[in-house]
Amino acid sequence: MLSAFFGENKRLDEISDADVSALVAWRRKQTVKGRGKKTVSPATVNRSVVEPLRKLFIRARTIWRCQFPREPIWRQHRLKEPLEHVRELHASEEAALTGALRPDYEPWFWFASATGLRLAETLIKWENVNWEAKRITTTGKGGKPVGTAITPDVAAILEPLKDHHPEAVFTYVCRKPRAGRRKGQRLPITYAGAKSEWQAHRKRAGVKGFRFHDVRHDMATKLLRSAKGNIKLVSKALNHSDIKTTARYAHVMDDEVADALQKLSKSRNKSRIAATKQSQAIEN
C-alpha cells in the first residue's frame, strides 16, 4: 500500500507532513472491494497506511539508529474514528429473529451467532475445516488468517451439512430456476446473498437497528459476561490483534460493578450499625 503511493525508491527522511497528508487523502478516496462506491473508513485509513508508516519510522529510529529532524507529527494525520456502535440482542429480539429464520439459511446464522465471525469470514469452505485439529481457519479482515474453534455446538451445526455441497459449507436452496440453476438445487451462500437475506430476515422479524455485524457484538458481550470479565479471552475469540479494540465491550460489566458496589455499601452500613449499637451498649 505504501509503495503503491510513494514508489519503491522513496526514502523515509524525504517524507514530510505534506506527503503523509496526501497519502491519507489518496487512501480515503479508495472504495471498499465489493461494496460499490462506498469509500474506506477512517479506521481503515489509520490501520492500512498511517500506522504502518509510523511504525517504519519507529523501527528506523530504534533499530537502525536513523534520525528524522522533520518526522511527521502523527497525531495530526490519524483520522478521527467514531465510537463503534455496540448493540446487544435482547431476549424478545432473539426470539423474533429465531422465529423468522429461513430454514436453508438457519445453519449459517447459528454458526455466525456461535462464532462471532464477520460476515465474509462465515462463508467458509470445507477446506477451511480441520476436524482433527477442531479448528476452522479462513482469511479475515486485512487478509489476516482467522481461526475459530470447532466446539461441540459448532460441530453440531456443521455435521449435517457435509453432503450438501462439495466445496461450500453453507448453501441455500434455489427457489427460482434461472441461468442453469435448478429449483431445489443447493448453491453456495455468497456475500451479497447473505447480506440480502439478512436484511429480509430482519424485516420479517421486525427487529430494527440491528446490523449483521451486531451478531458479533452480541456474542462478545455475552461471552464477556460468562467469562466474568476476562477481556483477553474475548479478544482471542474475536481474533482482535489489539486488545484495545476489545475494550469497547468493557461496558457490559457496568451492571456487575454497580451490584458489587451496592453489596459493599450494604456490608459497610451493617458494620457501622453494629458498631454504633455496640458503642451505645457500652455507654449504657
C-alpha atoms as a PDB file:
ATOM      1  CA  MET A   1       0.000   0.000   0.000  1.00  0.00           C
ATOM      2  CA  LEU A   2       2.774   2.458   0.944  1.00  0.00           C
ATOM      3  CA  SER A   3       4.941   1.553  -2.050  1.00  0.00           C
ATOM      4  CA  ALA A   4       1.910   1.951  -4.330  1.00  0.00           C
ATOM      5  CA  PHE A   5       1.705   5.598  -3.282  1.00  0.00           C
ATOM      6  CA  PHE A   6       5.334   6.577  -2.677  1.00  0.00           C
ATOM      7  CA  GLY A   7       7.055   4.212  -5.091  1.00  0.00           C
ATOM      8  CA  GLU A   8       9.844   1.825  -4.134  1.00  0.00           C
ATOM      9  CA  ASN A   9      12.646   4.400  -4.023  1.00  0.00           C
ATOM     10  CA  LYS A  10      11.154   6.928  -1.601  1.00  0.00           C
ATOM     11  CA  ARG A  11      13.389   7.475   1.455  1.00  0.00           C
ATOM     12  CA  LEU A  12      11.880   7.868   4.918  1.00  0.00           C
ATOM     13  CA  ASP A  13      13.836  11.058   5.533  1.00  0.00           C
ATOM     14  CA  GLU A  14      12.201  12.541   2.442  1.00  0.00           C
ATOM     15  CA  ILE A  15       8.667  12.032   3.772  1.00  0.00           C
ATOM     16  CA  SER A  16       7.124  15.186   5.217  1.00  0.00           C
ATOM     17  CA  ASP A  17       3.803  16.069   6.830  1.00  0.00           C
ATOM     18  CA  ALA A  18       2.561  17.179   3.412  1.00  0.00           C
ATOM     19  CA  ASP A  19       3.406  13.767   1.981  1.00  0.00           C
ATOM     20  CA  VAL A  20       1.518  11.963   4.756  1.00  0.00           C
ATOM     21  CA  SER A  21      -1.492  14.261   4.285  1.00  0.00           C
ATOM     22  CA  ALA A  22      -1.500  13.430   0.574  1.00  0.00           C
ATOM     23  CA  LEU A  23      -1.210   9.722   1.408  1.00  0.00           C
ATOM     24  CA  VAL A  24      -4.211   9.878   3.749  1.00  0.00           C
ATOM     25  CA  ALA A  25      -6.295  11.766   1.173  1.00  0.00           C
ATOM     26  CA  TRP A  26      -5.348   9.219  -1.516  1.00  0.00           C
ATOM     27  CA  ARG A  27      -6.305   6.257   0.671  1.00  0.00           C
ATOM     28  CA  ARG A  28      -9.509   7.905   1.883  1.00  0.00           C
ATOM     29  CA  LYS A  29     -10.840   8.139  -1.690  1.00  0.00           C
ATOM     30  CA  GLN A  30     -10.459   4.427  -2.342  1.00  0.00           C
ATOM     31  CA  THR A  31     -13.533   2.230  -2.247  1.00  0.00           C
ATOM     32  CA  VAL A  32     -14.265  -0.943  -0.324  1.00  0.00           C
ATOM     33  CA  LYS A  33     -13.962  -4.028  -2.500  1.00  0.00           C
ATOM     34  CA  GLY A  34     -17.351  -5.468  -3.311  1.00  0.00           C
ATOM     35  CA  ARG A  35     -19.204  -2.534  -1.690  1.00  0.00           C
ATOM     36  CA  GLY A  36     -19.874  -0.364  -4.740  1.00  0.00           C
ATOM     37  CA  LYS A  37     -18.903   3.284  -4.270  1.00  0.00           C
ATOM     38  CA  LYS A  38     -18.510   3.107  -0.500  1.00  0.00           C
ATOM     39  CA  THR A  39     -15.147   4.573   0.489  1.00  0.00           C
ATOM     40  CA  VAL A  40     -12.895   3.057   3.124  1.00  0.00           C
ATOM     41  CA  SER A  41     -13.476   4.097   6.726  1.00  0.00           C
ATOM     42  CA  PRO A  42     -11.211   6.355   8.825  1.00  0.00           C
ATOM     43  CA  ALA A  43     -10.227   3.289  10.834  1.00  0.00           C
ATOM     44  CA  THR A  44      -9.116   1.506   7.667  1.00  0.00           C
ATOM     45  CA  VAL A  45      -7.056   4.519   6.607  1.00  0.00           C
ATOM     46  CA  ASN A  46      -5.360   4.668  10.007  1.00  0.00           C
ATOM     47  CA  ARG A  47      -4.605   0.957  10.104  1.00  0.00           C
ATOM     48  CA  SER A  48      -3.572   0.486   6.486  1.00  0.00           C
ATOM     49  CA  VAL A  49      -1.303   3.490   5.880  1.00  0.00           C
ATOM     50  CA  VAL A  50      -0.809   5.843   8.842  1.00  0.00           C
ATOM     51  CA  GLU A  51       0.117   3.229  11.457  1.00  0.00           C
ATOM     52  CA  PRO A  52       2.347   1.105   9.174  1.00  0.00           C
ATOM     53  CA  LEU A  53       4.267   4.202   8.113  1.00  0.00           C
ATOM     54  CA  ARG A  54       4.627   5.424  11.705  1.00  0.00           C
ATOM     55  CA  LYS A  55       5.959   2.002  12.731  1.00  0.00           C
ATOM     56  CA  LEU A  56       8.515   2.143   9.928  1.00  0.00           C
ATOM     57  CA  PHE A  57       9.803   5.414  11.354  1.00  0.00           C
ATOM     58  CA  ILE A  58       9.925   3.917  14.862  1.00  0.00           C
ATOM     59  CA  ARG A  59      11.861   0.895  13.630  1.00  0.00           C
ATOM     60  CA  ALA A  60      14.275   3.093  11.719  1.00  0.00           C
ATOM     61  CA  ARG A  61      14.914   5.187  14.846  1.00  0.00           C
ATOM     62  CA  THR A  62      15.232   2.338  17.345  1.00  0.00           C
ATOM     63  CA  ILE A  63      16.848  -0.439  15.294  1.00  0.00           C
ATOM     64  CA  TRP A  64      18.719   1.347  12.525  1.00  0.00           C
ATOM     65  CA  ARG A  65      19.565   4.440  14.648  1.00  0.00           C
ATOM     66  CA  CYS A  66      18.337   6.838  11.986  1.00  0.00           C
ATOM     67  CA  GLN A  67      17.422  10.419  12.811  1.00  0.00           C
ATOM     68  CA  PHE A  68      14.500  12.323  11.348  1.00  0.00           C
ATOM     69  CA  PRO A  69      14.531  16.056  12.177  1.00  0.00           C
ATOM     70  CA  ARG A  70      11.400  16.505  10.038  1.00  0.00           C
ATOM     71  CA  GLU A  71       9.495  13.388  11.116  1.00  0.00           C
ATOM     72  CA  PRO A  72       5.761  13.843  10.535  1.00  0.00           C
ATOM     73  CA  ILE A  73       3.583  14.697  13.518  1.00  0.00           C
ATOM     74  CA  TRP A  74       1.494  11.530  13.536  1.00  0.00           C
ATOM     75  CA  ARG A  75      -1.372  12.745  15.737  1.00  0.00           C
ATOM     76  CA  GLN A  76      -2.204  15.301  13.045  1.00  0.00           C
ATOM     77  CA  HIS A  77      -2.688  12.600  10.436  1.00  0.00           C
ATOM     78  CA  ARG A  78      -4.724   9.996  12.298  1.00  0.00           C
ATOM     79  CA  LEU A  79      -8.334  10.339  11.233  1.00  0.00           C
ATOM     80  CA  LYS A  80     -10.907  10.532  13.975  1.00  0.00           C
ATOM     81  CA  GLU A  81     -12.647   7.187  14.350  1.00  0.00           C
ATOM     82  CA  PRO A  82     -16.274   7.232  15.514  1.00  0.00           C
ATOM     83  CA  LEU A  83     -17.023   5.052  18.502  1.00  0.00           C
ATOM     84  CA  GLU A  84     -18.389   1.813  17.100  1.00  0.00           C
ATOM     85  CA  HIS A  85     -21.976   1.102  17.965  1.00  0.00           C
ATOM     86  CA  VAL A  86     -22.070  -1.904  20.301  1.00  0.00           C
ATOM     87  CA  ARG A  87     -25.512  -3.481  20.166  1.00  0.00           C
ATOM     88  CA  GLU A  88     -26.668  -6.399  22.297  1.00  0.00           C
ATOM     89  CA  LEU A  89     -29.607  -8.561  21.285  1.00  0.00           C
ATOM     90  CA  HIS A  90     -32.495  -8.571  23.756  1.00  0.00           C
ATOM     91  CA  ALA A  91     -34.342 -11.800  24.589  1.00  0.00           C
ATOM     92  CA  SER A  92     -37.505 -10.761  22.743  1.00  0.00           C
ATOM     93  CA  GLU A  93     -35.488  -9.762  19.666  1.00  0.00           C
ATOM     94  CA  GLU A  94     -33.583 -13.040  19.708  1.00  0.00           C
ATOM     95  CA  ALA A  95     -36.865 -14.942  19.827  1.00  0.00           C
ATOM     96  CA  ALA A  96     -38.229 -12.900  16.918  1.00  0.00           C
ATOM     97  CA  LEU A  97     -35.125 -13.481  14.802  1.00  0.00           C
ATOM     98  CA  THR A  98     -35.176 -17.196  15.569  1.00  0.00           C
ATOM     99  CA  GLY A  99     -38.814 -17.475  14.531  1.00  0.00           C
ATOM    100  CA  ALA A 100     -38.200 -15.656  11.249  1.00  0.00           C
ATOM    101  CA  LEU A 101     -35.237 -17.762  10.093  1.00  0.00           C
ATOM    102  CA  ARG A 102     -35.347 -19.148   6.575  1.00  0.00           C
ATOM    103  CA  PRO A 103     -34.616 -22.902   7.002  1.00  0.00           C
ATOM    104  CA  ASP A 104     -31.788 -23.147   4.447  1.00  0.00           C
ATOM    105  CA  TYR A 105     -30.016 -20.102   5.928  1.00  0.00           C
ATOM    106  CA  GLU A 106     -30.537 -21.258   9.503  1.00  0.00           C
ATOM    107  CA  PRO A 107     -27.202 -23.170   9.913  1.00  0.00           C
ATOM    108  CA  TRP A 108     -25.279 -20.162   8.616  1.00  0.00           C
ATOM    109  CA  PHE A 109     -26.984 -17.819  11.084  1.00  0.00           C
ATOM    110  CA  TRP A 110     -26.391 -20.123  14.066  1.00  0.00           C
ATOM    111  CA  PHE A 111     -22.758 -20.540  13.022  1.00  0.00           C
ATOM    112  CA  ALA A 112     -22.327 -16.740  12.940  1.00  0.00           C
ATOM    113  CA  SER A 113     -24.010 -16.436  16.343  1.00  0.00           C
ATOM    114  CA  ALA A 114     -21.834 -19.157  17.866  1.00  0.00           C
ATOM    115  CA  THR A 115     -18.502 -17.926  16.499  1.00  0.00           C
ATOM    116  CA  GLY A 116     -18.855 -14.144  16.270  1.00  0.00           C
ATOM    117  CA  LEU A 117     -17.103 -14.153  12.894  1.00  0.00           C
ATOM    118  CA  ARG A 118     -17.550 -11.275  10.477  1.00  0.00           C
ATOM    119  CA  LEU A 119     -19.956 -11.847   7.590  1.00  0.00           C
ATOM    120  CA  ALA A 120     -17.241 -12.560   5.000  1.00  0.00           C
ATOM    121  CA  GLU A 121     -15.482 -14.876   7.463  1.00  0.00           C
ATOM    122  CA  THR A 122     -18.590 -17.013   7.947  1.00  0.00           C
ATOM    123  CA  LEU A 123     -18.681 -18.065   4.275  1.00  0.00           C
ATOM    124  CA  ILE A 124     -16.238 -20.903   4.785  1.00  0.00           C
ATOM    125  CA  LYS A 125     -15.359 -23.856   2.563  1.00  0.00           C
ATOM    126  CA  TRP A 126     -14.805 -27.432   3.657  1.00  0.00           C
ATOM    127  CA  GLU A 127     -11.090 -26.979   3.038  1.00  0.00           C
ATOM    128  CA  ASN A 128     -11.123 -24.455   5.899  1.00  0.00           C
ATOM    129  CA  VAL A 129     -12.473 -27.051   8.345  1.00  0.00           C
ATOM    130  CA  ASN A 130      -9.912 -29.187  10.156  1.00  0.00           C
ATOM    131  CA  TRP A 131     -11.912 -31.802  12.040  1.00  0.00           C
ATOM    132  CA  GLU A 132      -8.862 -33.424  13.626  1.00  0.00           C
ATOM    133  CA  ALA A 133      -7.479 -30.170  14.996  1.00  0.00           C
ATOM    134  CA  LYS A 134     -11.021 -28.999  15.822  1.00  0.00           C
ATOM    135  CA  ARG A 135     -10.202 -25.710  14.152  1.00  0.00           C
ATOM    136  CA  ILE A 136     -11.598 -23.585  11.328  1.00  0.00           C
ATOM    137  CA  THR A 137      -9.071 -21.309   9.637  1.00  0.00           C
ATOM    138  CA  THR A 138     -10.036 -18.787   6.988  1.00  0.00           C
ATOM    139  CA  THR A 139      -8.991 -15.368   5.715  1.00  0.00           C
ATOM    140  CA  GLY A 140     -10.229 -12.401   7.712  1.00  0.00           C
ATOM    141  CA  LYS A 141     -10.077  -8.633   7.693  1.00  0.00           C
ATOM    142  CA  GLY A 142      -6.961  -7.246   6.049  1.00  0.00           C
ATOM    143  CA  GLY A 143      -6.078 -10.657   4.617  1.00  0.00           C
ATOM    144  CA  LYS A 144      -5.080 -11.982   8.032  1.00  0.00           C
ATOM    145  CA  PRO A 145      -5.746 -15.629   8.948  1.00  0.00           C
ATOM    146  CA  VAL A 146      -8.680 -16.050  11.305  1.00  0.00           C
ATOM    147  CA  GLY A 147      -9.176 -19.128  13.422  1.00  0.00           C
ATOM    148  CA  THR A 148     -12.124 -20.333  15.435  1.00  0.00           C
ATOM    149  CA  ALA A 149     -12.618 -23.479  17.484  1.00  0.00           C
ATOM    150  CA  ILE A 150     -14.938 -26.297  16.460  1.00  0.00           C
ATOM    151  CA  THR A 151     -16.825 -26.569  19.722  1.00  0.00           C
ATOM    152  CA  PRO A 152     -19.481 -29.265  20.207  1.00  0.00           C
ATOM    153  CA  ASP A 153     -22.135 -26.675  19.285  1.00  0.00           C
ATOM    154  CA  VAL A 154     -20.292 -25.664  16.110  1.00  0.00           C
ATOM    155  CA  ALA A 155     -19.737 -29.328  15.202  1.00  0.00           C
ATOM    156  CA  ALA A 156     -23.455 -29.965  15.626  1.00  0.00           C
ATOM    157  CA  ILE A 157     -24.160 -27.167  13.124  1.00  0.00           C
ATOM    158  CA  LEU A 158     -21.623 -28.366  10.548  1.00  0.00           C
ATOM    159  CA  GLU A 159     -22.067 -32.142  10.668  1.00  0.00           C
ATOM    160  CA  PRO A 160     -25.492 -32.276   8.914  1.00  0.00           C
ATOM    161  CA  LEU A 161     -24.158 -30.090   6.073  1.00  0.00           C
ATOM    162  CA  LYS A 162     -21.403 -32.413   4.833  1.00  0.00           C
ATOM    163  CA  ASP A 163     -23.378 -33.781   1.884  1.00  0.00           C
ATOM    164  CA  HIS A 164     -24.946 -30.513   0.755  1.00  0.00           C
ATOM    165  CA  HIS A 165     -22.067 -29.228  -1.383  1.00  0.00           C
ATOM    166  CA  PRO A 166     -18.540 -30.448  -2.241  1.00  0.00           C
ATOM    167  CA  GLU A 167     -16.881 -27.086  -1.563  1.00  0.00           C
ATOM    168  CA  ALA A 168     -19.109 -24.592   0.255  1.00  0.00           C
ATOM    169  CA  VAL A 169     -20.141 -25.313   3.840  1.00  0.00           C
ATOM    170  CA  PHE A 170     -23.205 -23.072   3.836  1.00  0.00           C
ATOM    171  CA  THR A 171     -25.682 -23.259   0.991  1.00  0.00           C
ATOM    172  CA  TYR A 172     -29.195 -22.147   0.148  1.00  0.00           C
ATOM    173  CA  VAL A 173     -31.955 -23.891  -1.776  1.00  0.00           C
ATOM    174  CA  CYS A 174     -32.664 -22.359  -5.180  1.00  0.00           C
ATOM    175  CA  ARG A 175     -36.298 -21.290  -5.321  1.00  0.00           C
ATOM    176  CA  LYS A 176     -36.468 -19.828  -8.837  1.00  0.00           C
ATOM    177  CA  PRO A 177     -34.708 -21.648 -11.701  1.00  0.00           C
ATOM    178  CA  ARG A 178     -32.630 -19.372 -13.925  1.00  0.00           C
ATOM    179  CA  ALA A 179     -29.322 -19.315 -15.815  1.00  0.00           C
ATOM    180  CA  GLY A 180     -28.749 -23.032 -15.460  1.00  0.00           C
ATOM    181  CA  ARG A 181     -29.860 -23.178 -11.826  1.00  0.00           C
ATOM    182  CA  ARG A 182     -32.440 -25.788 -10.972  1.00  0.00           C
ATOM    183  CA  LYS A 183     -35.216 -25.333  -8.455  1.00  0.00           C
ATOM    184  CA  GLY A 184     -34.266 -27.162  -5.262  1.00  0.00           C
ATOM    185  CA  GLN A 185     -30.564 -27.140  -6.109  1.00  0.00           C
ATOM    186  CA  ARG A 186     -28.108 -26.367  -3.290  1.00  0.00           C
ATOM    187  CA  LEU A 187     -25.927 -23.342  -4.119  1.00  0.00           C
ATOM    188  CA  PRO A 188     -23.170 -21.620  -2.092  1.00  0.00           C
ATOM    189  CA  ILE A 189     -24.261 -18.653   0.004  1.00  0.00           C
ATOM    190  CA  THR A 190     -22.426 -15.596  -1.335  1.00  0.00           C
ATOM    191  CA  TYR A 191     -21.548 -12.359   0.450  1.00  0.00           C
ATOM    192  CA  ALA A 192     -24.217 -10.439  -1.467  1.00  0.00           C
ATOM    193  CA  GLY A 193     -26.766 -13.207  -0.940  1.00  0.00           C
ATOM    194  CA  ALA A 194     -26.063 -13.399   2.801  1.00  0.00           C
ATOM    195  CA  LYS A 195     -26.382  -9.649   3.148  1.00  0.00           C
ATOM    196  CA  SER A 196     -29.639  -9.583   1.191  1.00  0.00           C
ATOM    197  CA  GLU A 197     -31.125 -12.466   3.173  1.00  0.00           C
ATOM    198  CA  TRP A 198     -30.101 -10.869   6.471  1.00  0.00           C
ATOM    199  CA  GLN A 199     -31.989  -7.691   5.563  1.00  0.00           C
ATOM    200  CA  ALA A 200     -35.069  -9.714   4.603  1.00  0.00           C
ATOM    201  CA  HIS A 201     -34.733 -11.826   7.746  1.00  0.00           C
ATOM    202  CA  ARG A 202     -34.516  -8.785   9.995  1.00  0.00           C
ATOM    203  CA  LYS A 203     -37.557  -7.251   8.286  1.00  0.00           C
ATOM    204  CA  ARG A 204     -39.597 -10.451   8.767  1.00  0.00           C
ATOM    205  CA  ALA A 205     -38.625 -10.493  12.442  1.00  0.00           C
ATOM    206  CA  GLY A 206     -39.493  -6.824  12.933  1.00  0.00           C
ATOM    207  CA  VAL A 207     -36.143  -6.150  14.606  1.00  0.00           C
ATOM    208  CA  LYS A 208     -34.829  -2.646  13.963  1.00  0.00           C
ATOM    209  CA  GLY A 209     -31.390  -1.135  14.418  1.00  0.00           C
ATOM    210  CA  PHE A 210     -29.600  -4.486  14.499  1.00  0.00           C
ATOM    211  CA  ARG A 211     -26.951  -4.971  11.802  1.00  0.00           C
ATOM    212  CA  PHE A 212     -25.430  -8.313  10.925  1.00  0.00           C
ATOM    213  CA  HIS A 213     -22.175  -7.114  12.491  1.00  0.00           C
ATOM    214  CA  ASP A 214     -24.115  -6.720  15.724  1.00  0.00           C
ATOM    215  CA  VAL A 215     -24.381 -10.523  15.851  1.00  0.00           C
ATOM    216  CA  ARG A 216     -20.635 -10.382  16.541  1.00  0.00           C
ATOM    217  CA  HIS A 217     -21.129  -7.685  19.183  1.00  0.00           C
ATOM    218  CA  ASP A 218     -23.896  -9.700  20.819  1.00  0.00           C
ATOM    219  CA  MET A 219     -21.697 -12.788  21.061  1.00  0.00           C
ATOM    220  CA  ALA A 220     -18.822 -10.747  22.504  1.00  0.00           C
ATOM    221  CA  THR A 221     -20.907  -9.098  25.223  1.00  0.00           C
ATOM    222  CA  LYS A 222     -22.471 -12.379  26.313  1.00  0.00           C
ATOM    223  CA  LEU A 223     -19.091 -14.132  26.253  1.00  0.00           C
ATOM    224  CA  LEU A 224     -17.551 -11.380  28.374  1.00  0.00           C
ATOM    225  CA  ARG A 225     -20.263 -11.871  30.991  1.00  0.00           C
ATOM    226  CA  SER A 226     -19.910 -15.646  31.061  1.00  0.00           C
ATOM    227  CA  ALA A 227     -16.110 -15.264  31.222  1.00  0.00           C
ATOM    228  CA  LYS A 228     -16.533 -12.956  34.237  1.00  0.00           C
ATOM    229  CA  GLY A 229     -14.821 -10.000  32.607  1.00  0.00           C
ATOM    230  CA  ASN A 230     -11.877 -11.887  31.084  1.00  0.00           C
ATOM    231  CA  ILE A 231     -11.321  -9.449  28.234  1.00  0.00           C
ATOM    232  CA  LYS A 232      -8.206 -11.257  26.989  1.00  0.00           C
ATOM    233  CA  LEU A 233     -10.273 -14.366  26.358  1.00  0.00           C
ATOM    234  CA  VAL A 234     -12.866 -12.370  24.424  1.00  0.00           C
ATOM    235  CA  SER A 235     -10.125 -10.650  22.424  1.00  0.00           C
ATOM    236  CA  LYS A 236      -8.743 -14.026  21.365  1.00  0.00           C
ATOM    237  CA  ALA A 237     -12.199 -15.329  20.481  1.00  0.00           C
ATOM    238  CA  LEU A 238     -12.805 -12.308  18.240  1.00  0.00           C
ATOM    239  CA  ASN A 239      -9.350 -12.567  16.638  1.00  0.00           C
ATOM    240  CA  HIS A 240      -8.502  -8.992  17.605  1.00  0.00           C
ATOM    241  CA  SER A 241      -4.849  -8.098  17.019  1.00  0.00           C
ATOM    242  CA  ASP A 242      -5.079  -5.280  19.578  1.00  0.00           C
ATOM    243  CA  ILE A 243      -6.850  -5.744  22.905  1.00  0.00           C
ATOM    244  CA  LYS A 244      -7.762  -2.039  22.815  1.00  0.00           C
ATOM    245  CA  THR A 245     -10.293  -2.955  20.130  1.00  0.00           C
ATOM    246  CA  THR A 246     -11.921  -5.410  22.537  1.00  0.00           C
ATOM    247  CA  ALA A 247     -12.058  -2.802  25.302  1.00  0.00           C
ATOM    248  CA  ARG A 248     -15.223  -1.340  23.748  1.00  0.00           C
ATOM    249  CA  TYR A 249     -17.117  -4.271  25.296  1.00  0.00           C
ATOM    250  CA  ALA A 250     -15.960  -3.481  28.824  1.00  0.00           C
ATOM    251  CA  HIS A 251     -19.160  -1.516  29.447  1.00  0.00           C
ATOM    252  CA  VAL A 252     -21.142  -4.759  29.678  1.00  0.00           C
ATOM    253  CA  MET A 253     -19.642  -5.281  33.118  1.00  0.00           C
ATOM    254  CA  ASP A 254     -21.030  -1.964  34.397  1.00  0.00           C
ATOM    255  CA  ASP A 255     -24.089  -3.621  35.957  1.00  0.00           C
ATOM    256  CA  GLU A 256     -21.909  -6.195  37.694  1.00  0.00           C
ATOM    257  CA  VAL A 257     -19.672  -3.435  39.036  1.00  0.00           C
ATOM    258  CA  ALA A 258     -22.700  -1.493  40.245  1.00  0.00           C
ATOM    259  CA  ASP A 259     -24.053  -4.601  42.012  1.00  0.00           C
ATOM    260  CA  ALA A 260     -20.689  -5.206  43.664  1.00  0.00           C
ATOM    261  CA  LEU A 261     -20.507  -1.594  44.866  1.00  0.00           C
ATOM    262  CA  GLN A 262     -24.049  -1.823  46.226  1.00  0.00           C
ATOM    263  CA  LYS A 263     -23.177  -5.031  48.109  1.00  0.00           C
ATOM    264  CA  LEU A 264     -20.072  -3.369  49.529  1.00  0.00           C
ATOM    265  CA  SER A 265     -22.129  -0.377  50.626  1.00  0.00           C
ATOM    266  CA  LYS A 266     -24.692  -2.610  52.353  1.00  0.00           C
ATOM    267  CA  SER A 267     -21.917  -4.529  54.091  1.00  0.00           C
ATOM    268  CA  ARG A 268     -20.339  -1.315  55.368  1.00  0.00           C
ATOM    269  CA  ASN A 269     -23.708   0.012  56.537  1.00  0.00           C
ATOM    270  CA  LYS A 270     -24.288  -3.177  58.535  1.00  0.00           C
ATOM    271  CA  SER A 271     -20.849  -2.843  60.065  1.00  0.00           C
ATOM    272  CA  ARG A 272     -21.497   0.789  61.008  1.00  0.00           C
ATOM    273  CA  ILE A 273     -24.897  -0.064  62.561  1.00  0.00           C
ATOM    274  CA  ALA A 274     -23.372  -2.943  64.530  1.00  0.00           C
ATOM    275  CA  ALA A 275     -20.506  -0.737  65.725  1.00  0.00           C
ATOM    276  CA  THR A 276     -22.955   2.024  66.757  1.00  0.00           C
ATOM    277  CA  LYS A 277     -25.133  -0.420  68.717  1.00  0.00           C
ATOM    278  CA  GLN A 278     -22.091  -1.865  70.470  1.00  0.00           C
ATOM    279  CA  SER A 279     -20.871   1.615  71.382  1.00  0.00           C
ATOM    280  CA  GLN A 280     -24.277   2.570  72.762  1.00  0.00           C
ATOM    281  CA  ALA A 281     -24.449  -0.643  74.785  1.00  0.00           C
ATOM    282  CA  ILE A 282     -21.058   0.094  76.381  1.00  0.00           C
ATOM    283  CA  GLU A 283     -22.118   3.653  77.269  1.00  0.00           C
ATOM    284  CA  ASN A 284     -25.302   2.407  78.930  1.00  0.00           C
END
